Amino acid sequence: MIKRRDFIISSGLALGALAIAPSLAFSAKPKNIGLQLYTLRDDFSKNVKGVLEHVAKTGYKDVETYGYSAEKGFFGTSAKDFKKILSDNGLKASSGHYDFNSFIKDNNADFLKSAIECANQLGSEYITVPYLDEKLRSDLDAFKRIAQKINEAAVLCQKSGLKLAYHNHDFEFKKFGNQTGYDILLQETDKKLVDFELDLYWAVRSGNDPLALFKANPGRFTMWHVKDMDKSKAEWNTEIGEGSIDFKPIFAEAKLSGMKHFFVEQETNYSPNPMESIKTSWDFVSKQLV
């Protein structure tokens, strides 16, 4: 039995520790740094196991998948085998990007069901809409239909214990009169079922302030893509901390955003190569942001 005196002493020590390091006790920023595997797409498509081992050795604890095929899994690696590689390397896959275009266009749920099965095998939390074909997003009515289909997909995900999220590029911020497609998606998707994965690079490049988005839609951006913008060419990426985006004030508002997971991503302009670039980014994020 714990004596009252010992309890008081233990409680006092605990409270003292919290007073010394409140940021550690109450931080809303996840410590598990994630990587969107598309960053390493050239190598990943040829050597799934080797790339995941490298990602883990670099320091990442979480990954976001892409490229899943119902027939070939992840470039020839089944979901079951992929899960084993993750586990062997101390990795998890909190989210995955899966193609929703056929579901939105033709109401074909076959691939969505396969994606749900895959995500559950991996132990994922999210299935994420990565991209919309241009022909699906011609006007505000088109975005309203997309929102409706996303809600339908989110119900299927929920029934399987998953959450659905939407990942943006810049085209969602195109103005149609006084509204954007992103406005419609935020307004007409069910807040209880649909979250958003805010790509910080694309938000900034489209002329938007992530902090303003957080304030207008608190709690909805439960995931981020942390992707930097090259200082000389906005159309290029660069390693995190080397570009023009100031991530510190953004990370400071992680709680307002609702952020639970974030994934480093770089699509272009690697220095000297993708495998080294993810280490440069990890170093900056781990030392300066979390």
Protein backbone atom coordinates (compact mmCIF):
# COMPACT_ATOMS: atom_id res chain seq x y z
CA MET A 1 0.00 0.00 0.00
CA ILE A 2 1.28 3.48 -0.81
CA LYS A 3 1.58 5.62 2.31
CA ARG A 4 0.04 9.07 2.29
CA ARG A 5 3.45 10.71 2.87
CA ASP A 6 5.03 8.81 -0.03
CA PHE A 7 2.08 9.71 -2.27
CA ILE A 8 2.44 13.41 -1.46
CA ILE A 9 6.18 13.28 -2.16
CA SER A 10 5.67 11.40 -5.43
CA SER A 11 2.91 13.77 -6.49
CA GLY A 12 5.06 16.77 -5.66
CA LEU A 13 7.93 15.41 -7.75
CA ALA A 14 5.57 14.80 -10.66
CA LEU A 15 4.12 18.29 -10.45
CA GLY A 16 7.62 19.70 -10.26
CA ALA A 17 8.56 17.86 -13.41
CA LEU A 18 5.53 19.28 -15.19
CA ALA A 19 6.41 22.77 -14.05
CA ILE A 20 9.92 22.39 -15.39
CA ALA A 21 8.91 20.89 -18.72
CA PRO A 22 5.29 21.78 -19.51
CA SER A 23 5.93 21.59 -23.24
CA LEU A 24 6.91 17.94 -22.91
CA ALA A 25 3.90 17.13 -20.77
CA PHE A 26 1.26 18.90 -22.82
CA SER A 27 2.75 19.14 -26.29
CA ALA A 28 0.21 18.76 -29.11
CA LYS A 29 2.98 18.05 -31.58
CA PRO A 30 3.59 14.38 -32.35
CA LYS A 31 7.14 13.19 -31.82
CA ASN A 32 6.94 10.45 -34.43
CA ILE A 33 8.17 12.12 -37.61
CA GLY A 34 6.53 10.66 -40.71
CA LEU A 35 7.59 10.42 -44.34
CA GLN A 36 5.40 10.32 -47.44
CA LEU A 37 7.05 7.48 -49.37
CA TYR A 38 6.43 9.23 -52.70
CA THR A 39 9.54 11.22 -51.77
CA LEU A 40 11.58 8.08 -52.55
CA ARG A 41 9.41 6.88 -55.43
CA ASP A 42 12.21 5.92 -57.84
CA ASP A 43 13.88 3.61 -55.33
CA PHE A 44 10.72 2.53 -53.53
CA SER A 45 9.09 1.13 -56.66
CA LYS A 46 12.15 -1.09 -57.18
CA ASN A 47 13.11 -2.03 -53.63
CA VAL A 48 10.28 -1.74 -51.11
CA LYS A 49 12.07 -3.55 -48.29
CA GLY A 50 15.37 -1.72 -48.74
CA VAL A 51 13.74 1.71 -48.79
CA LEU A 52 11.69 1.05 -45.66
CA GLU A 53 14.83 -0.12 -43.86
CA HIS A 54 16.61 3.08 -44.90
CA VAL A 55 13.68 5.23 -43.78
CA ALA A 56 13.74 3.62 -40.34
CA LYS A 57 17.52 3.95 -39.98
CA THR A 58 17.23 7.64 -40.85
CA GLY A 59 15.01 8.14 -37.81
CA TYR A 60 11.47 8.20 -39.16
CA LYS A 61 8.85 6.27 -37.21
CA ASP A 62 5.82 6.72 -39.44
CA VAL A 63 5.19 6.50 -43.18
CA GLU A 64 2.39 7.39 -45.53
CA THR A 65 1.95 4.92 -48.36
CA TYR A 66 1.15 5.47 -52.03
CA GLY A 67 1.02 3.35 -55.15
CA TYR A 68 -1.17 0.53 -53.83
CA SER A 69 -2.65 -1.79 -56.44
CA ALA A 70 -5.35 -4.38 -55.73
CA GLU A 71 -3.47 -6.83 -57.93
CA LYS A 72 0.16 -6.09 -57.03
CA GLY A 73 -0.02 -4.53 -53.59
CA PHE A 74 2.85 -2.10 -53.12
CA PHE A 75 4.93 -2.68 -56.24
CA GLY A 76 4.79 -6.46 -55.84
CA THR A 77 4.75 -6.53 -52.04
CA SER A 78 1.47 -7.68 -50.50
CA ALA A 79 -0.15 -5.74 -47.68
CA LYS A 80 0.64 -8.62 -45.30
CA ASP A 81 4.33 -8.63 -46.24
CA PHE A 82 4.44 -4.83 -46.20
CA LYS A 83 3.08 -4.84 -42.65
CA LYS A 84 5.79 -7.29 -41.58
CA ILE A 85 8.53 -5.09 -43.04
CA LEU A 86 7.09 -2.11 -41.20
CA SER A 87 6.95 -4.00 -37.91
CA ASP A 88 10.46 -5.42 -38.34
CA ASN A 89 11.76 -1.86 -38.66
CA GLY A 90 9.74 -0.22 -35.91
CA LEU A 91 7.58 1.67 -38.41
CA LYS A 92 3.86 2.28 -38.68
CA ALA A 93 1.74 3.51 -41.59
CA SER A 94 -0.78 5.89 -40.06
CA SER A 95 -2.11 6.96 -43.45
CA GLY A 96 -2.14 5.87 -47.06
CA HIS A 97 -2.92 7.62 -50.34
CA TYR A 98 -5.39 5.60 -52.42
CA ASP A 99 -6.94 6.46 -55.80
CA PHE A 100 -10.53 7.70 -55.43
CA ASN A 101 -11.13 8.85 -59.00
CA SER A 102 -13.09 5.78 -60.11
CA PHE A 103 -15.31 5.97 -57.04
CA ILE A 104 -16.04 9.66 -57.55
CA LYS A 105 -16.55 9.40 -61.30
CA ASP A 106 -18.26 6.03 -61.76
CA ASN A 107 -19.31 5.07 -58.21
CA ASN A 108 -17.02 2.05 -58.51
CA ALA A 109 -16.38 0.96 -54.93
CA ASP A 110 -14.29 -2.12 -55.75
CA PHE A 111 -10.92 -0.43 -55.34
CA LEU A 112 -12.10 1.50 -52.29
CA LYS A 113 -13.05 -1.77 -50.60
CA SER A 114 -9.64 -3.21 -51.47
CA ALA A 115 -7.96 -0.08 -50.09
CA ILE A 116 -9.94 -0.37 -46.85
CA GLU A 117 -8.87 -3.99 -46.49
CA CYS A 118 -5.25 -3.02 -47.13
CA ALA A 119 -5.34 -0.13 -44.65
CA ASN A 120 -6.74 -2.39 -41.97
CA GLN A 121 -4.05 -4.99 -42.62
CA LEU A 122 -1.43 -2.28 -42.17
CA GLY A 123 -3.07 -1.00 -38.99
CA SER A 124 -3.58 2.44 -40.51
CA GLU A 125 -5.77 5.14 -39.05
CA TYR A 126 -6.50 7.04 -42.27
CA ILE A 127 -7.33 6.46 -45.90
CA THR A 128 -6.52 9.66 -47.78
CA VAL A 129 -7.78 11.08 -51.07
CA PRO A 130 -4.55 12.15 -52.79
CA TYR A 131 -5.60 13.81 -56.04
CA LEU A 132 -8.58 14.59 -58.27
CA ASP A 133 -8.49 14.17 -62.03
CA GLU A 134 -8.89 17.53 -63.76
CA LYS A 135 -12.09 16.50 -65.52
CA LEU A 136 -13.79 15.90 -62.16
CA ARG A 137 -13.27 19.44 -60.80
CA SER A 138 -14.49 21.86 -63.45
CA ASP A 139 -16.72 24.10 -61.28
CA LEU A 140 -18.33 24.50 -57.86
CA ASP A 141 -21.07 22.00 -58.66
CA ALA A 142 -18.39 19.45 -59.46
CA PHE A 143 -16.78 20.08 -56.07
CA LYS A 144 -20.19 19.67 -54.41
CA ARG A 145 -20.50 16.26 -56.04
CA ILE A 146 -16.98 15.40 -54.91
CA ALA A 147 -17.89 16.36 -51.34
CA GLN A 148 -20.97 14.13 -51.52
CA LYS A 149 -18.93 11.16 -52.76
CA ILE A 150 -16.26 11.76 -50.12
CA ASN A 151 -18.97 11.64 -47.45
CA GLU A 152 -20.20 8.33 -48.88
CA ALA A 153 -16.69 6.91 -48.89
CA ALA A 154 -16.14 8.17 -45.34
CA VAL A 155 -19.13 6.15 -44.15
CA LEU A 156 -17.62 2.99 -45.64
CA CYS A 157 -14.32 3.80 -43.97
CA GLN A 158 -15.98 4.44 -40.61
CA LYS A 159 -17.76 1.07 -40.73
CA SER A 160 -14.32 -0.52 -41.02
CA GLY A 161 -12.79 1.50 -38.19
CA LEU A 162 -10.97 3.97 -40.44
CA LYS A 163 -11.09 7.73 -40.96
CA LEU A 164 -11.06 9.45 -44.34
CA ALA A 165 -8.94 12.51 -45.10
CA TYR A 166 -8.54 14.78 -48.11
CA HIS A 167 -5.13 15.95 -49.36
CA ASN A 168 -4.91 19.19 -51.35
CA HIS A 169 -2.81 20.58 -54.15
CA ASP A 170 -3.22 24.17 -55.35
CA PHE A 171 -6.13 23.73 -57.77
CA GLU A 172 -8.63 23.46 -54.90
CA PHE A 173 -7.96 27.13 -54.13
CA LYS A 174 -8.99 28.35 -57.57
CA LYS A 175 -11.75 30.94 -57.32
CA PHE A 176 -15.19 30.29 -58.80
CA GLY A 177 -16.86 33.62 -58.11
CA ASN A 178 -16.46 34.24 -54.38
CA GLN A 179 -15.76 30.64 -53.43
CA THR A 180 -13.10 28.03 -53.99
CA GLY A 181 -13.35 24.31 -54.38
CA TYR A 182 -11.63 23.98 -51.01
CA ASP A 183 -14.35 26.11 -49.41
CA ILE A 184 -16.93 23.66 -50.71
CA LEU A 185 -15.01 20.61 -49.50
CA LEU A 186 -14.64 22.09 -46.03
CA GLN A 187 -18.27 23.18 -45.83
CA GLU A 188 -20.02 20.18 -47.34
CA THR A 189 -18.08 17.23 -45.96
CA ASP A 190 -19.20 15.79 -42.64
CA LYS A 191 -16.93 17.11 -39.89
CA LYS A 192 -17.45 13.92 -37.89
CA LEU A 193 -16.34 11.71 -40.77
CA VAL A 194 -13.91 13.69 -42.95
CA ASP A 195 -10.60 15.22 -41.93
CA PHE A 196 -8.10 17.15 -44.04
CA GLU A 197 -4.43 16.57 -44.71
CA LEU A 198 -3.11 20.06 -45.39
CA ASP A 199 -0.19 20.15 -47.79
CA LEU A 200 1.59 23.19 -46.42
CA TYR A 201 3.63 23.77 -49.57
CA TRP A 202 0.61 23.80 -51.87
CA ALA A 203 -1.36 25.99 -49.47
CA VAL A 204 1.42 28.57 -49.35
CA ARG A 205 2.11 28.38 -53.08
CA SER A 206 -1.57 29.05 -53.81
CA GLY A 207 -1.34 32.25 -51.78
CA ASN A 208 -2.99 30.97 -48.61
CA ASP A 209 -1.86 31.23 -45.01
CA PRO A 210 -2.05 27.89 -43.14
CA LEU A 211 -2.58 29.77 -39.86
CA ALA A 212 -5.64 31.52 -41.30
CA LEU A 213 -6.99 28.15 -42.44
CA PHE A 214 -6.50 26.75 -38.92
CA LYS A 215 -8.33 29.68 -37.36
CA ALA A 216 -11.24 29.43 -39.78
CA ASN A 217 -11.51 25.64 -39.48
CA PRO A 218 -10.10 24.63 -36.09
CA GLY A 219 -9.46 20.95 -35.57
CA ARG A 220 -10.05 19.83 -39.15
CA PHE A 221 -6.44 19.55 -40.30
CA THR A 222 -5.46 16.40 -38.46
CA MET A 223 -2.58 15.64 -40.82
CA TRP A 224 -0.02 17.76 -42.66
CA HIS A 225 2.43 17.38 -45.50
CA VAL A 226 5.54 19.24 -44.42
CA LYS A 227 7.10 20.24 -47.73
CA ASP A 228 9.38 23.23 -48.25
CA MET A 229 9.54 25.69 -51.15
CA ASP A 230 12.78 26.48 -52.92
CA LYS A 231 13.84 30.09 -52.39
CA SER A 232 14.65 30.75 -56.05
CA LYS A 233 11.93 28.75 -57.83
CA ALA A 234 8.54 28.37 -56.16
CA GLU A 235 7.69 25.41 -58.39
CA TRP A 236 10.55 23.44 -56.80
CA ASN A 237 10.70 21.78 -53.42
CA THR A 238 13.75 21.63 -51.20
CA GLU A 239 14.82 19.99 -47.96
CA ILE A 240 12.89 21.11 -44.87
CA GLY A 241 14.59 24.17 -43.39
CA GLU A 242 16.37 25.06 -46.62
CA GLY A 243 13.45 26.82 -48.27
CA SER A 244 11.23 29.86 -47.86
CA ILE A 245 8.45 28.46 -45.66
CA ASP A 246 8.69 29.35 -41.98
CA PHE A 247 7.40 26.20 -40.28
CA LYS A 248 7.93 27.28 -36.67
CA PRO A 249 4.77 29.42 -36.32
CA ILE A 250 2.81 26.70 -38.11
CA PHE A 251 3.98 23.99 -35.71
CA ALA A 252 3.24 26.35 -32.82
CA GLU A 253 -0.44 26.12 -33.81
CA ALA A 254 -0.55 22.32 -34.08
CA LYS A 255 -3.24 22.12 -31.40
CA LEU A 256 -5.48 24.64 -33.18
CA SER A 257 -5.04 22.70 -36.39
CA GLY A 258 -5.93 19.42 -34.72
CA MET A 259 -2.79 17.85 -36.13
CA LYS A 260 -2.17 14.25 -35.09
CA HIS A 261 0.28 13.13 -37.77
CA PHE A 262 2.58 14.87 -40.20
CA PHE A 263 4.63 13.59 -43.10
CA VAL A 264 7.75 15.11 -44.59
CA GLU A 265 7.56 15.16 -48.37
CA GLN A 266 9.85 16.31 -51.16
CA GLU A 267 9.04 15.78 -54.81
CA THR A 268 11.81 17.65 -56.65
CA ASN A 269 15.20 19.33 -56.40
CA TYR A 270 16.97 16.86 -54.11
CA SER A 271 20.41 17.74 -52.80
CA PRO A 272 22.36 15.58 -53.36
CA ASN A 273 19.78 12.76 -53.74
CA PRO A 274 16.46 11.64 -52.22
CA MET A 275 18.03 9.24 -49.73
CA GLU A 276 20.23 12.00 -48.31
CA SER A 277 17.53 14.65 -48.56
CA ILE A 278 15.21 12.84 -46.17
CA LYS A 279 18.01 12.83 -43.56
CA THR A 280 18.55 16.58 -43.94
CA SER A 281 14.83 17.13 -43.48
CA TRP A 282 14.62 14.77 -40.50
CA ASP A 283 17.50 16.56 -38.79
CA PHE A 284 15.82 19.96 -39.12
CA VAL A 285 12.37 18.78 -38.09
CA SER A 286 13.63 16.80 -35.10
CA LYS A 287 15.88 19.58 -33.82
CA GLN A 288 13.93 22.72 -34.74
CA LEU A 289 10.24 21.83 -34.93
CA VAL A 290 9.42 18.98 -32.54
